[in-house]
Amino acid sequence: MESKSITDGAAAARHARFGALPERIRFEEMVEEKPARPGGAGDAYDPEGAWSHYNCLALDLGL
């Protein structure tokens, strides 16, 4: 494959911007580790208090 010389200014700018692939990102750089909150599951499901978060027309009408 023969290489072509870049003569045009716009072609040189395109080649400078898109002429090479970006550097690879390591997996360790994509992962963020956070420590767990003390006390375990502070936002766990509470069945006793969950009823107040939902609206039911049948319950409102007393059916």
N, C-alpha and C. Protein backbone atom coordinates (compact mmCIF):
# COMPACT_ATOMS: atom_id res chain seq x y z
N MET A 1 0.85 -1.16 0.00
CA MET A 1 0.00 0.00 0.00
C MET A 1 0.90 1.23 0.00
N GLU A 2 0.67 2.12 -0.88
CA GLU A 2 1.51 3.31 -0.99
C GLU A 2 0.92 4.44 -0.15
N SER A 3 1.80 5.22 0.48
CA SER A 3 1.32 6.32 1.30
C SER A 3 1.20 7.57 0.45
N LYS A 4 0.17 8.34 0.72
CA LYS A 4 -0.06 9.58 -0.02
C LYS A 4 0.41 10.74 0.83
N SER A 5 1.04 11.73 0.21
CA SER A 5 1.46 12.89 0.97
C SER A 5 0.27 13.82 1.21
N ILE A 6 0.26 14.43 2.36
CA ILE A 6 -0.83 15.33 2.72
C ILE A 6 -0.45 16.72 2.25
N THR A 7 -1.18 17.25 1.26
CA THR A 7 -0.85 18.56 0.70
C THR A 7 -1.84 19.62 1.14
N ASP A 8 -3.04 19.22 1.38
CA ASP A 8 -4.12 20.15 1.72
C ASP A 8 -4.09 20.45 3.22
N GLY A 9 -4.34 21.68 3.62
CA GLY A 9 -4.37 22.05 5.04
C GLY A 9 -5.50 21.39 5.79
N ALA A 10 -6.68 21.29 5.14
CA ALA A 10 -7.82 20.64 5.79
C ALA A 10 -7.57 19.15 5.95
N ALA A 11 -6.91 18.55 4.96
CA ALA A 11 -6.59 17.13 5.06
C ALA A 11 -5.58 16.90 6.16
N ALA A 12 -4.63 17.81 6.33
CA ALA A 12 -3.65 17.68 7.40
C ALA A 12 -4.33 17.80 8.76
N ALA A 13 -5.32 18.69 8.89
CA ALA A 13 -6.04 18.83 10.15
C ALA A 13 -6.86 17.58 10.44
N ARG A 14 -7.50 17.00 9.43
CA ARG A 14 -8.26 15.76 9.62
C ARG A 14 -7.34 14.63 10.04
N HIS A 15 -6.19 14.56 9.39
CA HIS A 15 -5.25 13.49 9.72
C HIS A 15 -4.72 13.66 11.15
N ALA A 16 -4.48 14.89 11.57
CA ALA A 16 -4.00 15.12 12.93
C ALA A 16 -5.06 14.75 13.97
N ARG A 17 -6.33 14.97 13.62
CA ARG A 17 -7.40 14.69 14.57
C ARG A 17 -7.84 13.23 14.56
N PHE A 18 -7.98 12.66 13.36
CA PHE A 18 -8.53 11.31 13.23
C PHE A 18 -7.52 10.30 12.71
N GLY A 19 -6.26 10.66 12.60
CA GLY A 19 -5.28 9.77 11.98
C GLY A 19 -4.86 8.60 12.85
N ALA A 20 -5.12 8.65 14.15
CA ALA A 20 -4.71 7.56 15.03
C ALA A 20 -5.84 7.25 16.01
N LEU A 21 -5.85 6.02 16.46
CA LEU A 21 -6.85 5.63 17.45
C LEU A 21 -6.50 6.23 18.81
N PRO A 22 -7.49 6.49 19.65
CA PRO A 22 -7.19 7.01 20.98
C PRO A 22 -6.49 5.94 21.82
N GLU A 23 -5.83 6.38 22.87
CA GLU A 23 -5.15 5.44 23.75
C GLU A 23 -6.18 4.58 24.47
N ARG A 24 -5.79 3.35 24.75
CA ARG A 24 -6.68 2.42 25.45
C ARG A 24 -6.81 2.83 26.91
N ILE A 25 -7.99 2.60 27.46
CA ILE A 25 -8.24 2.88 28.87
C ILE A 25 -8.22 1.55 29.60
N ARG A 26 -7.41 1.46 30.63
CA ARG A 26 -7.32 0.22 31.39
C ARG A 26 -8.59 0.01 32.20
N PHE A 27 -8.89 -1.25 32.49
CA PHE A 27 -10.09 -1.59 33.26
C PHE A 27 -10.03 -0.97 34.64
N GLU A 28 -8.85 -0.92 35.24
CA GLU A 28 -8.71 -0.37 36.58
C GLU A 28 -9.08 1.11 36.62
N GLU A 29 -8.91 1.81 35.51
CA GLU A 29 -9.26 3.22 35.46
C GLU A 29 -10.76 3.45 35.26
N MET A 30 -11.49 2.42 34.83
CA MET A 30 -12.93 2.55 34.59
C MET A 30 -13.77 2.16 35.81
N VAL A 31 -13.16 1.53 36.81
CA VAL A 31 -13.89 1.01 37.96
C VAL A 31 -13.62 1.90 39.16
N GLU A 32 -14.68 2.23 39.86
CA GLU A 32 -14.55 3.00 41.09
C GLU A 32 -15.04 2.15 42.24
N GLU A 33 -14.20 1.96 43.22
CA GLU A 33 -14.57 1.16 44.38
C GLU A 33 -14.85 2.09 45.55
N LYS A 34 -15.98 1.86 46.21
CA LYS A 34 -16.34 2.64 47.39
C LYS A 34 -16.54 1.69 48.55
N PRO A 35 -16.14 2.06 49.74
CA PRO A 35 -16.39 1.20 50.89
C PRO A 35 -17.89 1.20 51.24
N ALA A 36 -18.34 0.10 51.78
CA ALA A 36 -19.74 -0.01 52.18
C ALA A 36 -19.99 0.89 53.38
N ARG A 37 -21.23 1.34 53.48
CA ARG A 37 -21.59 2.20 54.61
C ARG A 37 -21.55 1.38 55.90
N PRO A 38 -21.11 1.97 56.98
CA PRO A 38 -21.15 1.24 58.25
C PRO A 38 -22.59 0.99 58.67
N GLY A 39 -22.82 -0.15 59.27
CA GLY A 39 -24.17 -0.47 59.72
C GLY A 39 -24.90 -1.37 58.75
N GLY A 40 -24.27 -1.76 57.67
CA GLY A 40 -24.89 -2.68 56.73
C GLY A 40 -25.89 -2.01 55.82
N ALA A 41 -27.06 -2.60 55.72
CA ALA A 41 -28.07 -2.13 54.77
C ALA A 41 -28.96 -1.09 55.44
N GLY A 42 -28.57 0.15 55.40
CA GLY A 42 -29.37 1.20 56.01
C GLY A 42 -30.59 1.56 55.20
N ASP A 43 -30.58 1.23 53.91
CA ASP A 43 -31.72 1.55 53.05
C ASP A 43 -32.46 0.28 52.65
N ALA A 44 -32.48 -0.72 53.52
CA ALA A 44 -33.13 -1.99 53.22
C ALA A 44 -34.65 -1.81 53.18
N TYR A 45 -35.33 -2.76 52.58
CA TYR A 45 -36.78 -2.74 52.47
C TYR A 45 -37.42 -2.89 53.86
N ASP A 46 -38.34 -2.03 54.17
CA ASP A 46 -39.06 -2.07 55.43
C ASP A 46 -40.53 -2.34 55.13
N PRO A 47 -41.01 -3.58 55.33
CA PRO A 47 -42.39 -3.89 54.97
C PRO A 47 -43.42 -3.15 55.82
N GLU A 48 -43.09 -2.80 57.06
CA GLU A 48 -44.03 -2.09 57.92
C GLU A 48 -44.24 -0.65 57.46
N GLY A 49 -43.20 -0.03 56.93
CA GLY A 49 -43.33 1.36 56.52
C GLY A 49 -43.56 1.55 55.03
N ALA A 50 -43.52 0.45 54.26
CA ALA A 50 -43.65 0.56 52.82
C ALA A 50 -45.09 0.87 52.38
N TRP A 51 -46.07 0.54 53.20
CA TRP A 51 -47.45 0.73 52.77
C TRP A 51 -47.78 2.20 52.57
N SER A 52 -47.10 3.09 53.26
CA SER A 52 -47.42 4.51 53.16
C SER A 52 -46.89 5.15 51.88
N HIS A 53 -46.08 4.43 51.12
CA HIS A 53 -45.51 4.99 49.89
C HIS A 53 -46.36 4.69 48.66
N TYR A 54 -47.36 3.88 48.77
CA TYR A 54 -48.17 3.49 47.62
C TYR A 54 -49.61 3.97 47.81
N ASN A 55 -50.25 4.30 46.72
CA ASN A 55 -51.61 4.79 46.77
C ASN A 55 -52.52 3.74 46.12
N CYS A 56 -53.57 3.38 46.76
CA CYS A 56 -54.51 2.38 46.24
C CYS A 56 -55.92 2.94 46.38
N LEU A 57 -56.64 3.07 45.28
CA LEU A 57 -57.97 3.63 45.30
C LEU A 57 -58.93 2.77 46.12
N ALA A 58 -58.78 1.46 46.03
CA ALA A 58 -59.66 0.57 46.80
C ALA A 58 -59.48 0.79 48.29
N LEU A 59 -58.25 0.99 48.74
CA LEU A 59 -58.03 1.26 50.17
C LEU A 59 -58.57 2.63 50.55
N ASP A 60 -58.45 3.62 49.65
CA ASP A 60 -58.97 4.94 49.94
C ASP A 60 -60.49 4.92 50.09
N LEU A 61 -61.16 4.09 49.32
CA LEU A 61 -62.62 4.02 49.37
C LEU A 61 -63.10 3.07 50.45
N GLY A 62 -62.18 2.35 51.08
CA GLY A 62 -62.58 1.42 52.14
C GLY A 62 -63.13 0.13 51.62
N LEU A 63 -62.75 -0.26 50.42
CA LEU A 63 -63.26 -1.53 49.86
C LEU A 63 -62.45 -2.71 50.28
